[in-house]
Amino acid sequence: MKAWNVRVSRPGGARHIGQVMADREEWARCAALSRYGVTDEEIEAGEVADQERAILPDDDFDVSPA
């Protein structure tokens, strides 16, 4: 298992939001969505404390080996 950096693309450039552990890139992408992904409904309900460290519904994101 290895560490993967998670970055989201936002206005002003890409931003590192955290890391996940996975064996393969595909699994790292799934782990990133599971850990950092939020829905519009969660945002509207005020359930997202830190949107800067989240994958928002319209965000493009990428994972790369740490």
Protein backbone atom coordinates (compact mmCIF):
# COMPACT_ATOMS: atom_id res chain seq x y z
CA MET A 1 0.00 0.00 0.00
CA LYS A 2 1.29 3.50 -0.74
CA ALA A 3 0.33 7.10 -0.03
CA TRP A 4 -1.32 9.26 -2.69
CA ASN A 5 -1.63 13.05 -2.65
CA VAL A 6 -5.10 14.41 -3.41
CA ARG A 7 -5.35 17.73 -5.28
CA VAL A 8 -8.39 19.66 -6.49
CA SER A 9 -8.45 22.14 -9.36
CA ARG A 10 -10.02 25.44 -8.40
CA PRO A 11 -9.85 29.01 -9.66
CA GLY A 12 -6.36 30.23 -8.88
CA GLY A 13 -4.76 26.80 -9.32
CA ALA A 14 -4.62 23.30 -7.93
CA ARG A 15 -4.74 22.83 -4.18
CA HIS A 16 -3.46 19.89 -2.10
CA ILE A 17 -6.21 18.76 0.28
CA GLY A 18 -4.77 15.59 1.83
CA GLN A 19 -3.60 12.03 1.33
CA VAL A 20 -5.12 8.57 1.02
CA MET A 21 -3.58 5.10 1.12
CA ALA A 22 -4.18 2.63 -1.72
CA ASP A 23 -2.41 0.05 -3.88
CA ARG A 24 -3.48 1.43 -7.26
CA GLU A 25 -4.42 4.81 -8.71
CA GLU A 26 -8.01 3.73 -9.38
CA TRP A 27 -8.45 2.76 -5.74
CA ALA A 28 -6.78 5.98 -4.62
CA ARG A 29 -9.36 7.98 -6.60
CA CYS A 30 -12.17 6.01 -4.95
CA ALA A 31 -10.60 6.50 -1.52
CA ALA A 32 -10.25 10.25 -2.18
CA LEU A 33 -13.93 10.57 -3.08
CA SER A 34 -14.92 8.50 -0.07
CA ARG A 35 -12.82 10.56 2.33
CA TYR A 36 -13.07 14.08 0.88
CA GLY A 37 -16.08 14.07 -1.47
CA VAL A 38 -19.21 15.98 -0.48
CA THR A 39 -22.62 16.42 -2.11
CA ASP A 40 -24.61 19.58 -2.83
CA GLU A 41 -27.11 18.43 -0.22
CA GLU A 42 -24.41 18.19 2.47
CA ILE A 43 -23.20 21.69 1.60
CA GLU A 44 -26.73 23.16 1.66
CA ALA A 45 -27.44 21.48 5.01
CA GLY A 46 -24.30 23.03 6.50
CA GLU A 47 -22.72 19.64 7.11
CA VAL A 48 -19.37 20.55 5.51
CA ALA A 49 -17.18 22.30 8.05
CA ASP A 50 -14.18 22.90 5.76
CA GLN A 51 -14.95 23.24 2.04
CA GLU A 52 -11.28 24.04 1.38
CA ARG A 53 -10.41 20.42 2.29
CA ALA A 54 -13.25 18.81 0.35
CA ILE A 55 -13.90 17.59 -3.17
CA LEU A 56 -16.96 19.61 -4.17
CA PRO A 57 -19.44 18.22 -6.73
CA ASP A 58 -18.08 20.35 -9.62
CA ASP A 59 -14.37 20.02 -8.73
CA ASP A 60 -11.87 18.24 -10.92
CA PHE A 61 -9.42 16.29 -8.75
CA ASP A 62 -6.33 14.17 -9.20
CA VAL A 63 -4.23 11.77 -7.18
CA SER A 64 -0.47 11.31 -7.47
CA PRO A 65 2.02 9.17 -5.57
CA ALA A 66 3.31 10.88 -2.45
